[in-house]
Amino acid sequence: MDISNRTVTARPAPGSRWAFEVRWTVTLTPSEASSGTLFQDAYRMWEWDVSDHDALTSWSTSDPFDPPSTTINRIARLNMPADALDTESGEEEIRAQIGVRNVSAGGPWLIDRFTPIVHISP
């Protein structure tokens, strides 16, 4: 199992908010995808500084899913208030952290797969 093609995009949204779209690809082995095994993924948003990182959200988890193939493209969309993103003076560096786990086996989260940083000015 792996997490690849990780991206996050940001755009201003109405009402002093920001709209984010997080994308990733879950890649499974053929035996994982054809075994009836359930998987679950999750993400959380971060403001990423050189020396101090701020978790902007808690983990948002999907419902468990039975993968239809070895490659599953995932998308999460969320809106956040601009003032929640404004953690320092100047530009903010935003990224998402993504995790996937084998629910059927009770396996641990395959975490610490981060998207590249996107720069915004809330």
Protein backbone atom coordinates (compact mmCIF):
# COMPACT_ATOMS: atom_id res chain seq x y z
CA MET A 1 0.00 0.00 0.00
CA ASP A 2 1.20 3.52 -0.77
CA ILE A 3 -0.06 7.09 -1.04
CA SER A 4 1.11 9.07 -4.07
CA ASN A 5 0.15 12.02 -6.30
CA ARG A 6 -0.50 14.17 -3.25
CA THR A 7 -1.64 17.74 -3.94
CA VAL A 8 -3.49 20.54 -2.23
CA THR A 9 -4.95 23.58 -3.98
CA ALA A 10 -6.39 26.70 -2.38
CA ARG A 11 -8.57 29.54 -3.55
CA PRO A 12 -10.39 32.38 -1.79
CA ALA A 13 -14.06 31.63 -1.14
CA PRO A 14 -17.01 33.88 -0.24
CA GLY A 15 -17.39 35.06 3.33
CA SER A 16 -13.70 35.48 4.22
CA ARG A 17 -13.06 31.79 3.71
CA TRP A 18 -10.64 29.62 1.76
CA ALA A 19 -11.61 26.57 -0.28
CA PHE A 20 -9.15 23.67 -0.32
CA GLU A 21 -9.05 20.57 -2.46
CA VAL A 22 -6.80 17.72 -1.38
CA ARG A 23 -6.06 14.93 -3.87
CA TRP A 24 -4.16 11.69 -3.48
CA THR A 25 -3.88 8.24 -4.98
CA VAL A 26 -4.00 5.07 -2.90
CA THR A 27 -2.07 2.26 -4.59
CA LEU A 28 -2.61 -1.29 -3.40
CA THR A 29 -1.09 -4.60 -4.34
CA PRO A 30 -3.29 -6.91 -6.45
CA SER A 31 -3.81 -9.18 -3.44
CA GLU A 32 -4.91 -6.24 -1.25
CA ALA A 33 -7.37 -5.01 -3.89
CA SER A 34 -8.95 -8.37 -4.66
CA SER A 35 -9.27 -9.79 -1.18
CA GLY A 36 -12.45 -8.05 0.01
CA THR A 37 -10.31 -6.12 2.49
CA LEU A 38 -11.67 -2.82 3.78
CA PHE A 39 -9.49 0.26 3.81
CA GLN A 40 -9.96 3.72 5.27
CA ASP A 41 -8.19 6.98 4.57
CA ALA A 42 -7.98 10.27 6.40
CA TYR A 43 -6.45 13.71 6.08
CA ARG A 44 -5.76 16.77 8.18
CA MET A 45 -4.63 20.26 7.31
CA TRP A 46 -1.49 22.00 8.60
CA GLU A 47 0.04 25.46 8.58
CA TRP A 48 3.71 24.64 8.07
CA ASP A 49 6.47 26.93 9.35
CA VAL A 50 10.20 26.46 9.45
CA SER A 51 10.25 25.82 13.19
CA ASP A 52 6.64 25.50 14.31
CA HIS A 53 3.76 23.65 12.64
CA ASP A 54 0.11 24.25 13.52
CA ALA A 55 -2.54 21.55 13.00
CA LEU A 56 -5.48 23.44 11.49
CA THR A 57 -7.94 20.53 11.59
CA SER A 58 -8.26 17.19 13.30
CA TRP A 59 -8.21 14.00 11.23
CA SER A 60 -11.16 13.69 8.86
CA THR A 61 -11.73 10.01 8.10
CA SER A 62 -13.58 8.37 5.24
CA ASP A 63 -16.02 5.55 5.57
CA PRO A 64 -14.29 2.18 5.11
CA PHE A 65 -14.18 1.17 1.46
CA ASP A 66 -13.59 -2.02 -0.52
CA PRO A 67 -11.22 -0.92 -3.30
CA PRO A 68 -12.50 -1.56 -6.83
CA SER A 69 -8.96 -1.69 -8.25
CA THR A 70 -5.30 -1.36 -7.27
CA THR A 71 -5.37 2.41 -7.87
CA ILE A 72 -7.93 4.64 -6.16
CA ASN A 73 -7.97 8.38 -6.72
CA ARG A 74 -9.32 10.29 -3.73
CA ILE A 75 -10.50 13.90 -3.36
CA ALA A 76 -11.44 15.85 -0.23
CA ARG A 77 -12.85 19.36 -0.29
CA LEU A 78 -13.17 21.70 2.66
CA ASN A 79 -13.68 25.37 3.45
CA MET A 80 -11.96 27.14 6.30
CA PRO A 81 -12.30 30.64 7.75
CA ALA A 82 -9.43 32.94 6.75
CA ASP A 83 -8.80 33.90 10.38
CA ALA A 84 -8.21 30.23 11.31
CA LEU A 85 -5.43 30.11 8.70
CA ASP A 86 -3.76 33.34 9.74
CA THR A 87 -1.25 32.00 12.28
CA GLU A 88 1.61 34.40 11.58
CA SER A 89 2.38 37.71 9.95
CA GLY A 90 2.51 37.49 6.16
CA GLU A 91 2.09 34.49 3.92
CA GLU A 92 0.88 31.13 5.22
CA GLU A 93 2.25 27.74 4.14
CA ILE A 94 -0.54 25.17 3.99
CA ARG A 95 -0.26 21.43 3.43
CA ALA A 96 -2.26 18.29 4.11
CA GLN A 97 -1.22 15.08 5.83
CA ILE A 98 -2.78 11.88 4.50
CA GLY A 99 -3.12 8.46 6.07
CA VAL A 100 -4.48 5.09 4.89
CA ARG A 101 -5.01 1.90 6.85
CA ASN A 102 -6.21 -1.64 6.42
CA VAL A 103 -9.38 -1.69 8.54
CA SER A 104 -9.95 -5.43 8.13
CA ALA A 105 -6.55 -6.27 9.60
CA GLY A 106 -6.72 -3.55 12.24
CA GLY A 107 -3.47 -2.25 10.81
CA PRO A 108 -1.83 1.03 11.78
CA TRP A 109 -2.22 4.21 9.76
CA LEU A 110 0.27 4.58 6.94
CA ILE A 111 0.84 8.24 7.77
CA ASP A 112 3.32 11.05 7.26
CA ARG A 113 2.56 11.35 3.61
CA PHE A 114 2.32 15.10 3.12
CA THR A 115 1.27 17.18 0.16
CA PRO A 116 3.60 19.86 -1.16
CA ILE A 117 3.09 23.26 0.45
CA VAL A 118 0.73 25.82 -1.07
CA HIS A 119 1.28 29.51 -0.16
CA ILE A 120 -1.70 31.74 0.64
CA SER A 121 -2.27 35.21 2.08
CA PRO A 122 -5.49 35.09 4.12
